[in-house]
Amino acid sequence: MATTKNGLAPTEVKEELLRKYPPKVARKRAKQIMINEAQQAETPEITANVRTIPGIITMRGCTYAGCKGVILGPTRDIVNITHGPIGCGFYSWLTRRNQTDASAPGAENYMTYCFSTDMQDQDIIFGGEKKLEAAIEEAYEIFHPKAIAIFATCPVGLIGDDIHAVARKMKAKFGDCNVFAFSCEGYKGVSQSAGHHIANNQIFRHVVGENDADKPGEYRINLLGEYNIGGDGFEIDRILKKCGITNNATFSGNSTYDQFASAHKADLNAVMCHRSINYVADMLETKYGIPWIKVNFIGAASTAKSLRKIAQYFGDRSLIDRVEEVIAEEMPAVEAVAADVRTRTEGKTAMLFVGGSRAHHYQDLFAEMGMQTISAGYEFAHRDDYEGRHVIPELKVDADSRNIEELEVEADPTRFAPRKSPEELKKLEEAGFKFKHYDGLVPDMDKGTLVVDDLNQYEAEKLVELLRPDIFCAGIKEKFSIQKLGIPMKQLHSYDSGGPYAGFQGAVNFYKEIDRLVNSKVWGYMKAPWQEHPELSAAYVWE
């Protein structure tokens, strides 16, 4: 991206984004807005995972949203009780279009319920522990679930309710129901990323390893960081099953309590969303000896590459051949649609500001349509999600990071079993196989593109004004403001009403959806009332 449609150089775009800010704010934001230019063959550095500057309207969510909404929300047979005011619980209720399959005999599905203690003023003043106990008791008597999870919202942390003591008491009382709690108050971290970490810790501490029964199937993997938005997980499971690969547990799309409890029985962890789940992958390796690799099932080529990677790990000739057969069966239909839409999408541009890996993964799909991603960034990423895991030793531990517990995990004395011998691992690595490896978003973006961490409302509108992309991808909070600027907006948190977009069939769905959006003439007619009839104007006092 040497110049924009308006003839601006990337440096001029960055200057325009910062021009309206007071000097101190501009200096801070400048470190989070990076022009992607390798310096002496090294990835340039970006500031990430720092607190949003007060007064800026961020795209981020809170710690509670990351814990309850993202990680535990898609699990169907755990009763999730929000301990706090009803607004928090209701907002996190089914907002991401997580899908699940509870059609098996005896399967439970509580995802359609919204459980909350509905704290009132008197609970804030006198404490809410008794109310929480009553809520857990009521849920147990009605549903008799395998597990009940409790999530703290901001007021609970401020008044000091001991939700963990309540959980221990109720677990001991029931005997046949695992009750555990998450101190995931919304203010506790920089973003929803803190909630992911807290959720990973507690699931690992209270659930993983609880079921030692042997699991059926060959080539058992855990799929980590896949949340079955719009049915993505169903499509990935279809492909894995067709290849003969057994998905032992998904964290956490279409998941169950027993999948978490049996996660230590897999032979490989395949990580989709690096940011939200790499903690569990590391802990499963340390305690049980299960290696992990990074995969991506978004994009047809990426799906094929990930399947080959899994087959290479197991090294069985019959699996390698079967994976090639499946790819050969699936790709012709995908390539036919891609070739058709490419005649209409070639050369168009996209912006992606979503998630911890989605802004990276979806660039593969746009590339398959001949489209270029001219600017991208994450809401809640850390530097390693941008620059690669090699920077992890350089990351400074700040006050916000210290606020999140780090579990001390050791090898299980009886259940630790390395899945590969040192010789086998060495042979794979010599053949180019990489474990615990992620290069991040930046190396895959074109030179001169803009990478923006924690994009805000003002900068989103300014970027659209300056660069005029053909499509903008983010979440629901940005959707209508972007559309009012005459640019189609695709939600990649919940997919609007579309999907699945993962795997081979998902790629076909995505090609058709983006073709429809970027070639619709309706966006050319969009004019906000104030663009045609301005009635009021204002200026900042420091101008």
Foldseek 3Di string as FASTA:
>chain_A
DCAFPVRHGLVVLLCVLLVFDDPVVSVVQSQQKDFADDDPNATDFHAAFDADDPPFFFQFFFQLCLACQFQVLQAFQEAEEEEDAVVVQVVSQCPQQFDADQPPPPRGGPSNDGHYLNDDPVCLVVNCLVSVLVSVVVCCVVPVTQEYEYEYEASCVVSPHPVQVSQVVVCVVVVRYRYGYFDRYRVQGRGNLLNLLRNLVGLVVRQAQQDPDADDFPLEEEEEPDRCFQHQVVQLVVLCVQLRHHHQAYSPGNGYSVSSHHNLNHQEYEYEQCRRHVLNQVQSCFAAQRFYDYAHQFAAVRVLVRLCLSCVLVPDPSSNVSSVVSNVVQVVVLLVLLVVLLVQLAAAEEEEEEALCVQQRNQNLSVSSNYAYQEYEYAHYHRCQAAWPVCVVVDDCDPSNVSRDDDDHHYHPPRHDNSDDPVSVVVCVVVVRDTPIDRHRSVPHDRRGMYGYRDGQSSVVSCCVRRVGLEYEYAPVNQPVVLLVLHHYAYPSNRVNDDDLGHRVNSSRVSVVSSCRSPDPVSVVRHDPCNVPPDDDDGDPVD
